[in-house]
Structure formats: structure tokens, C-alpha cells
């Protein structure tokens, strides 16, 4: 997800060679992560099952859907291979249905249920991100398909469903923030998805507006979706100062050590997604004064990706050194 969205941002700003490099790197990451997951399922099926229906960890499986569809968007936009992207979209739609309904079903039926402050986190907004990723890729590939109307309709439904999920989940997260104890160490990087989730809704809306404008009979869609997209983009923008202030407090006032943690990858995706959605939204609305904001956040996402990747390499080197 992180590598893919940085690649998309770089491509929009015409750094094509670097965007393609990130695409090839992402294909490698995608294949390796699937191999690791399959091996884990084969070797530790009980642990995987326990993780899947865990109220805090289970929702993270939806990164499979989002990562799949971000890669599909890369393939479609950067290489133009809509046939491959359409296959990836179908796989993402199937994964979305299997994982989302499994997660909801097992968590609805299981007893005893955990308390809100023990289970809810920014990671729950992966429900929104996964749903909207289907809408984004669907809107990109729709015009290249003979059943474009069906893909576009499914994408529109996903756009609206993801928006509804966001309203529900962000209410629970804000309730947890405002009425339960929040220590600095609990202000974890996945809370950046508070912004990233609403940013991807904005991107999905902008892409659907682009699709609708290409079809004379669907002009009503564009008029309906565009105000919603403005609403979501504005809310994504609102989150940014608060999140920066909270993480400045976490590290510079509360002195939580700034060291590598896999969760920091969840900061890269929202930063990159805001850059991409702002660029696309500005293109749809002709609000060209927003373009510099897009450039800033693409640069921030790329810088964060590099820092976290270096942290990952240092961590892997340290582990290897300890073993030897």
C-alpha cells in the first residue's frame, strides 16, 4: 500500500522513471508477502485463524484487499495494462467479500466481547480503505471494459458503502479518544488512517466523476458525487494538523522513543493518498491552487517511505547480527 501510493503520486507529477521503479519494487513486495502469508497459513493455521477473528488484529487482514487494488491501480495508470488491472480488480472484489464478511460475522457472534478501548484503533478504518480501494480501481478500469456500466455501478456502491463505514467507525474512534484514557504510547501510527481513509474516499469520488463525465447519460452521477467528494476532501484536510500535533506530542513531549516499528508504514499510505487525492480532486474541479499541496504531500510520503525503509533494513541487519 505504501509503496504503491508513493509510485502513483510520483507518476502524477511526471517522475515516470521513479514511479516505474516503485512499481517493480511493489510487484516484488506483493509476491513475497503472498508467499509469506501462504506459508504462515500452512504452518500455523490455528494462529492465523485466531488472528483473523481477533477484534484488533483481524481487521488488518483487509490490507490484502487494499494492497491488491493499489497495485492494480499502479498497473492500470502507469503501464496502461487494463486487462491485467481488471483481473486484479476481480481478485480484490472477491477478497473484499470473503474477508470483510468473515471479520464481521466472527466478531458479531463471538463471546465474550472486548471493551471498546481494548479493540478499536485506527486500523479499523482499513474497512473503509479496503472498500474504497475497490471503488478507485473499478473507476479507473471501467471505460476499458465491455461491461463498464456494471464495474462503474459496483464502484459507486463501494464508494457509498465505504463512506457510510467511515461515519460509523470515526465516531467510535473519536469516542474512544475523547472519553477514555489516551496515553502517549497508545497514539500509534495507524491512527494516521483517520485521514488516509477519508482521503481515499475523495480519490474514489474524483475518479467516479471522471468516469461519469466521459458518458453523456451519466452527467447526473457527476453532479451527485462531486459535492460529496468536496465534503470528504475537506474532512481529510481537517485531520492533518491534529495528527501532526498529536505525534509531535508523542515523540517530543511525552518522549516515546522514535525507533523502527512496522506500524510506521501506516503513516506513508495516508500521506501519499492525500497527495494523490488532492491532485485528482484539483484536476476534476479545476482548483489548480491545490496542486502545490499535492506536491508537498507526495514529497512527504516519499521521504517517510525512505526513512521507514532504512529503519527496516537496520532492523533486519540487527536481527541477523544477533543471530550470528
Protein backbone atom coordinates (compact mmCIF):
# COMPACT_ATOMS: atom_id res chain seq x y z
CA UNK A 1 0.00 0.00 0.00
CA UNK A 2 2.73 2.45 1.00
CA UNK A 3 4.98 1.72 -1.97
CA UNK A 4 2.09 1.74 -4.42
CA UNK A 5 0.66 5.08 -3.40
CA UNK A 6 4.10 6.74 -3.49
CA UNK A 7 4.52 5.35 -7.01
CA UNK A 8 1.15 6.77 -8.07
CA UNK A 9 1.99 10.19 -6.66
CA UNK A 10 5.33 10.27 -8.45
CA UNK A 11 3.67 9.29 -11.73
CA UNK A 12 1.08 12.07 -11.44
CA UNK A 13 3.93 14.55 -11.01
CA UNK A 14 5.65 13.11 -14.11
CA UNK A 15 8.54 11.33 -12.39
CA UNK A 16 7.75 8.35 -14.58
CA UNK A 17 11.08 6.50 -14.26
CA UNK A 18 10.92 6.62 -10.46
CA UNK A 19 7.24 5.65 -10.46
CA UNK A 20 8.06 2.61 -12.61
CA UNK A 21 10.90 1.66 -10.27
CA UNK A 22 8.48 1.71 -7.34
CA UNK A 23 6.04 -0.36 -9.42
CA UNK A 24 8.63 -3.09 -9.99
CA UNK A 25 9.63 -3.00 -6.31
CA UNK A 26 5.96 -3.26 -5.36
CA UNK A 27 5.39 -6.29 -7.58
CA UNK A 28 8.28 -7.98 -5.74
CA UNK A 29 6.85 -6.99 -2.32
CA UNK A 30 3.39 -8.18 -3.38
CA UNK A 31 4.67 -11.61 -4.44
CA UNK A 32 6.84 -12.04 -1.34
CA UNK A 33 4.06 -11.07 1.07
CA UNK A 34 1.68 -13.58 -0.54
CA UNK A 35 4.32 -16.30 -0.26
CA UNK A 36 4.94 -15.46 3.40
CA UNK A 37 1.20 -15.42 4.15
CA UNK A 38 0.58 -18.76 2.43
CA UNK A 39 3.50 -20.37 4.29
CA UNK A 40 2.15 -18.98 7.57
CA UNK A 41 -1.32 -20.37 6.85
CA UNK A 42 0.13 -23.80 6.03
CA UNK A 43 2.45 -23.95 9.05
CA UNK A 44 0.36 -22.13 11.67
CA UNK A 45 -3.31 -22.39 10.63
CA UNK A 46 -4.65 -22.07 14.19
CA UNK A 47 -2.66 -18.89 14.86
CA UNK A 48 -3.83 -17.37 11.57
CA UNK A 49 -7.45 -18.25 12.37
CA UNK A 50 -7.12 -16.72 15.86
CA UNK A 51 -5.67 -13.57 14.32
CA UNK A 52 -8.45 -13.39 11.75
CA UNK A 53 -11.22 -13.29 14.33
CA UNK A 54 -9.33 -11.16 16.84
CA UNK A 55 -11.10 -7.82 17.28
CA UNK A 56 -7.88 -5.77 16.97
CA UNK A 57 -5.71 -7.91 14.64
CA UNK A 58 -8.37 -9.38 12.38
CA UNK A 59 -9.13 -6.12 10.63
CA UNK A 60 -5.50 -5.85 9.46
CA UNK A 61 -6.13 -8.73 7.01
CA UNK A 62 -8.00 -6.17 4.90
CA UNK A 63 -4.61 -4.80 3.85
CA UNK A 64 -4.71 -7.76 1.44
CA UNK A 65 -7.58 -6.07 -0.38
CA UNK A 66 -6.17 -2.56 -0.29
CA UNK A 67 -2.66 -3.64 -1.27
CA UNK A 68 -4.03 -5.73 -4.12
CA UNK A 69 -6.07 -2.84 -5.50
CA UNK A 70 -3.34 -0.24 -5.08
CA UNK A 71 -1.07 -2.48 -7.16
CA UNK A 72 -3.88 -2.82 -9.72
CA UNK A 73 -4.17 0.97 -9.90
CA UNK A 74 -0.43 1.21 -10.47
CA UNK A 75 -0.60 -1.30 -13.31
CA UNK A 76 -3.56 0.48 -14.93
CA UNK A 77 -2.27 4.05 -14.66
CA UNK A 78 1.48 3.54 -15.15
CA UNK A 79 1.57 0.70 -17.70
CA UNK A 80 -1.89 1.03 -19.28
CA UNK A 81 -2.46 -2.74 -19.00
CA UNK A 82 -6.17 -2.57 -18.24
CA UNK A 83 -6.60 -6.31 -18.87
CA UNK A 84 -4.22 -7.19 -16.03
CA UNK A 85 -5.71 -4.48 -13.83
CA UNK A 86 -9.21 -5.87 -14.42
CA UNK A 87 -8.09 -9.32 -13.23
CA UNK A 88 -6.56 -7.72 -10.14
CA UNK A 89 -9.82 -5.82 -9.52
CA UNK A 90 -11.87 -9.04 -9.67
CA UNK A 91 -9.45 -10.70 -7.23
CA UNK A 92 -9.72 -7.67 -4.93
CA UNK A 93 -13.52 -7.75 -5.03
CA UNK A 94 -13.57 -11.45 -4.09
CA UNK A 95 -11.03 -10.91 -1.29
CA UNK A 96 -13.07 -7.96 -0.01
CA UNK A 97 -16.24 -10.06 0.24
CA UNK A 98 -14.52 -13.06 1.87
CA UNK A 99 -12.50 -11.11 4.43
CA UNK A 100 -15.00 -8.41 5.35
CA UNK A 101 -17.96 -10.70 5.89
CA UNK A 102 -15.79 -13.22 7.78
CA UNK A 103 -14.48 -10.48 10.06
CA UNK A 104 -17.93 -9.08 10.82
CA UNK A 105 -19.54 -12.48 11.28
CA UNK A 106 -16.99 -13.90 13.73
CA UNK A 107 -16.82 -10.67 15.74
CA UNK A 108 -20.60 -10.36 15.95
CA UNK A 109 -21.05 -13.95 17.14
CA UNK A 110 -18.07 -14.42 19.46
CA UNK A 111 -18.33 -14.08 23.23
CA UNK A 112 -17.13 -12.51 25.43
CA UNK A 113 -16.57 -9.28 23.55
CA UNK A 114 -13.65 -6.97 24.41
CA UNK A 115 -14.11 -3.44 25.66
CA UNK A 116 -14.07 -0.58 23.17
CA UNK A 117 -10.75 0.87 24.36
CA UNK A 118 -9.03 -2.53 24.02
CA UNK A 119 -10.14 -3.24 20.46
CA UNK A 120 -10.84 -0.07 18.47
CA UNK A 121 -7.94 1.68 16.75
CA UNK A 122 -7.13 3.46 13.52
CA UNK A 123 -6.61 0.04 11.94
CA UNK A 124 -10.39 -0.45 11.95
CA UNK A 125 -10.56 2.16 9.20
CA UNK A 126 -8.96 -0.43 6.92
CA UNK A 127 -12.59 -1.49 6.45
CA UNK A 128 -13.09 1.85 4.69
CA UNK A 129 -9.76 1.77 2.84
CA UNK A 130 -10.35 -1.75 1.50
CA UNK A 131 -13.88 -0.88 0.35
CA UNK A 132 -12.83 2.36 -1.33
CA UNK A 133 -9.83 0.70 -2.99
CA UNK A 134 -12.31 -1.45 -4.93
CA UNK A 135 -14.13 1.74 -5.99
CA UNK A 136 -10.92 3.51 -7.06
CA UNK A 137 -9.59 0.67 -9.22
CA UNK A 138 -13.05 -0.02 -10.64
CA UNK A 139 -13.46 3.61 -11.70
CA UNK A 140 -10.03 3.53 -13.37
CA UNK A 141 -10.63 0.36 -15.41
CA UNK A 142 -14.36 0.78 -16.16
CA UNK A 143 -14.02 2.51 -19.53
CA UNK A 144 -11.77 -0.24 -20.87
CA UNK A 145 -14.34 -3.00 -20.23
CA UNK A 146 -17.31 -4.12 -22.32
CA UNK A 147 -19.32 -4.21 -19.08
CA UNK A 148 -18.13 -0.78 -17.97
CA UNK A 149 -21.58 0.12 -16.64
CA UNK A 150 -21.53 -2.87 -14.23
CA UNK A 151 -18.00 -2.14 -12.96
CA UNK A 152 -18.90 1.54 -12.52
CA UNK A 153 -22.12 0.66 -10.67
CA UNK A 154 -20.26 -1.66 -8.29
CA UNK A 155 -17.64 1.06 -7.78
CA UNK A 156 -20.32 3.64 -6.98
CA UNK A 157 -21.88 1.25 -4.45
CA UNK A 158 -18.47 0.69 -2.88
CA UNK A 159 -17.88 4.44 -2.73
CA UNK A 160 -21.13 5.00 -0.83
CA UNK A 161 -20.66 1.94 1.40
CA UNK A 162 -17.13 2.99 2.34
CA UNK A 163 -18.39 6.47 3.19
CA UNK A 164 -21.04 5.01 5.48
CA UNK A 165 -18.46 2.82 7.21
CA UNK A 166 -16.29 5.89 7.76
CA UNK A 167 -19.07 7.81 9.52
CA UNK A 168 -19.71 4.90 11.90
CA UNK A 169 -16.08 4.00 12.63
CA UNK A 170 -14.69 7.51 13.01
CA UNK A 171 -17.44 8.17 15.56
CA UNK A 172 -16.26 5.20 17.61
CA UNK A 173 -12.63 6.29 17.34
CA UNK A 174 -13.38 9.86 18.42
CA UNK A 175 -15.48 8.50 21.30
CA UNK A 176 -12.51 6.38 22.36
CA UNK A 177 -10.16 9.39 22.10
CA UNK A 178 -12.39 11.81 23.99
CA UNK A 179 -13.85 9.65 26.75
CA UNK A 180 -11.17 7.03 27.51
CA UNK A 181 -7.63 7.47 28.80
CA UNK A 182 -5.15 8.11 25.97
CA UNK A 183 -1.50 7.63 26.92
CA UNK A 184 1.17 8.80 24.51
CA UNK A 185 2.19 5.23 23.70
CA UNK A 186 -1.36 4.44 22.59
CA UNK A 187 -1.25 7.22 19.95
CA UNK A 188 0.07 4.74 17.40
CA UNK A 189 0.86 5.34 13.68
CA UNK A 190 -2.28 3.50 12.42
CA UNK A 191 -4.30 6.49 13.62
CA UNK A 192 -2.99 8.28 10.52
CA UNK A 193 -5.55 6.14 8.70
CA UNK A 194 -8.13 8.52 10.21
CA UNK A 195 -7.02 10.86 7.44
CA UNK A 196 -5.99 8.26 4.87
CA UNK A 197 -9.40 6.59 4.89
CA UNK A 198 -11.28 9.78 4.09
CA UNK A 199 -8.61 10.74 1.55
CA UNK A 200 -9.18 7.53 -0.41
CA UNK A 201 -12.93 8.25 -0.37
CA UNK A 202 -12.10 11.58 -2.00
CA UNK A 203 -9.96 9.83 -4.60
CA UNK A 204 -12.72 7.32 -5.36
CA UNK A 205 -15.22 10.16 -5.77
CA UNK A 206 -12.92 12.09 -8.09
CA UNK A 207 -12.28 9.02 -10.23
CA UNK A 208 -16.02 8.32 -10.46
CA UNK A 209 -16.65 11.92 -11.53
CA UNK A 210 -14.04 11.45 -14.29
CA UNK A 211 -15.79 8.27 -15.43
CA UNK A 212 -19.25 9.89 -15.38
CA UNK A 213 -18.11 12.90 -17.41
CA UNK A 214 -16.94 10.55 -20.16
CA UNK A 215 -20.54 9.31 -20.61
CA UNK A 216 -23.22 11.82 -21.55
CA UNK A 217 -26.01 9.77 -19.97
CA UNK A 218 -24.21 9.76 -16.60
CA UNK A 219 -23.78 13.51 -16.10
CA UNK A 220 -26.18 13.24 -13.18
CA UNK A 221 -23.67 10.99 -11.42
CA UNK A 222 -21.01 13.68 -11.63
CA UNK A 223 -23.31 16.32 -10.19
CA UNK A 224 -24.27 13.98 -7.36
CA UNK A 225 -20.79 12.71 -6.45
CA UNK A 226 -18.76 15.93 -6.70
CA UNK A 227 -20.28 17.69 -3.63
CA UNK A 228 -19.72 14.55 -1.55
CA UNK A 229 -16.11 14.48 -2.73
CA UNK A 230 -15.61 18.08 -1.59
CA UNK A 231 -17.04 17.15 1.79
CA UNK A 232 -14.68 14.20 2.23
CA UNK A 233 -11.61 16.08 0.95
CA UNK A 234 -12.26 18.90 3.41
CA UNK A 235 -12.53 16.43 6.30
CA UNK A 236 -9.29 14.74 5.24
CA UNK A 237 -7.63 18.15 5.30
CA UNK A 238 -9.02 18.87 8.77
CA UNK A 239 -7.29 15.82 10.22
CA UNK A 240 -3.77 16.76 9.16
CA UNK A 241 -2.86 19.49 11.73
CA UNK A 242 -4.35 17.44 14.59
CA UNK A 243 -2.42 14.30 13.65
CA UNK A 244 0.87 16.20 13.30
CA UNK A 245 0.32 17.81 16.71
CA UNK A 246 -0.57 14.51 18.37
CA UNK A 247 2.52 12.75 17.03
CA UNK A 248 4.72 15.73 17.92
CA UNK A 249 3.38 15.39 21.48
CA UNK A 250 4.01 11.63 21.43
CA UNK A 251 7.68 11.89 20.47
CA UNK A 252 8.90 15.33 21.58
CA UNK A 253 6.95 15.97 24.78
CA UNK A 254 5.99 12.51 26.07
CA UNK A 255 9.38 11.23 24.84
CA UNK A 256 8.14 7.99 23.30
CA UNK A 257 11.29 6.71 21.52
CA UNK A 258 11.34 7.24 17.78
CA UNK A 259 12.51 3.85 16.55
CA UNK A 260 11.58 1.45 13.78
CA UNK A 261 8.19 -0.19 14.08
CA UNK A 262 6.31 -1.89 11.21
CA UNK A 263 3.32 0.28 12.13
CA UNK A 264 5.12 3.33 10.73
CA UNK A 265 4.33 2.05 7.21
CA UNK A 266 0.74 3.01 8.02
CA UNK A 267 1.86 6.67 8.03
CA UNK A 268 3.22 6.52 4.49
CA UNK A 269 -0.04 5.45 2.87
CA UNK A 270 -2.21 8.30 4.26
CA UNK A 271 0.40 10.94 3.39
CA UNK A 272 0.70 9.61 -0.16
CA UNK A 273 -3.03 9.12 -0.52
CA UNK A 274 -3.70 12.73 0.47
CA UNK A 275 -1.21 13.88 -2.16
CA UNK A 276 -2.80 11.71 -4.87
CA UNK A 277 -6.40 12.53 -3.95
CA UNK A 278 -5.65 16.26 -3.83
CA UNK A 279 -4.04 16.14 -7.29
CA UNK A 280 -7.01 14.24 -8.73
CA UNK A 281 -9.59 16.40 -6.95
CA UNK A 282 -7.88 19.56 -8.23
CA UNK A 283 -7.98 18.15 -11.78
CA UNK A 284 -11.71 17.38 -11.52
CA UNK A 285 -12.70 20.74 -10.01
CA UNK A 286 -10.03 22.86 -11.77
CA UNK A 287 -8.94 24.12 -8.34
CA UNK A 288 -5.36 24.39 -9.57
CA UNK A 289 -4.26 26.29 -6.46
CA UNK A 290 -4.42 22.95 -4.62
CA UNK A 291 -1.71 21.36 -6.78
CA UNK A 292 1.23 22.57 -4.61
CA UNK A 293 -0.38 20.87 -1.60
CA UNK A 294 -0.41 17.63 -3.57
CA UNK A 295 3.28 18.02 -4.43
CA UNK A 296 4.16 18.66 -0.77
CA UNK A 297 2.42 15.51 0.45
CA UNK A 298 3.88 13.32 -2.29
CA UNK A 299 7.33 14.54 -1.18
CA UNK A 300 6.43 13.90 2.48
CA UNK A 301 5.23 10.39 1.62
CA UNK A 302 8.38 9.61 -0.37
CA UNK A 303 10.62 10.94 2.42
CA UNK A 304 8.73 8.95 5.05
CA UNK A 305 8.93 5.82 2.86
CA UNK A 306 12.71 6.19 2.58
CA UNK A 307 13.15 6.75 6.33
CA UNK A 308 10.96 3.78 7.29
CA UNK A 309 12.62 1.56 4.67
CA UNK A 310 16.07 2.44 6.05
CA UNK A 311 14.71 1.63 9.53
CA UNK A 312 13.54 -1.74 8.24
CA UNK A 313 16.98 -2.53 6.77
CA UNK A 314 18.70 -1.56 10.04
CA UNK A 315 16.27 -3.74 11.99
CA UNK A 316 16.86 -6.72 9.71
CA UNK A 317 20.64 -6.22 9.92
CA UNK A 318 20.47 -6.02 13.73
CA UNK A 319 18.46 -9.24 13.94
CA UNK A 320 20.88 -11.03 11.64
CA UNK A 321 23.85 -9.74 13.62
CA UNK A 322 22.35 -11.01 16.90
CA UNK A 323 21.85 -14.46 15.40
CA UNK A 324 25.45 -14.66 14.24
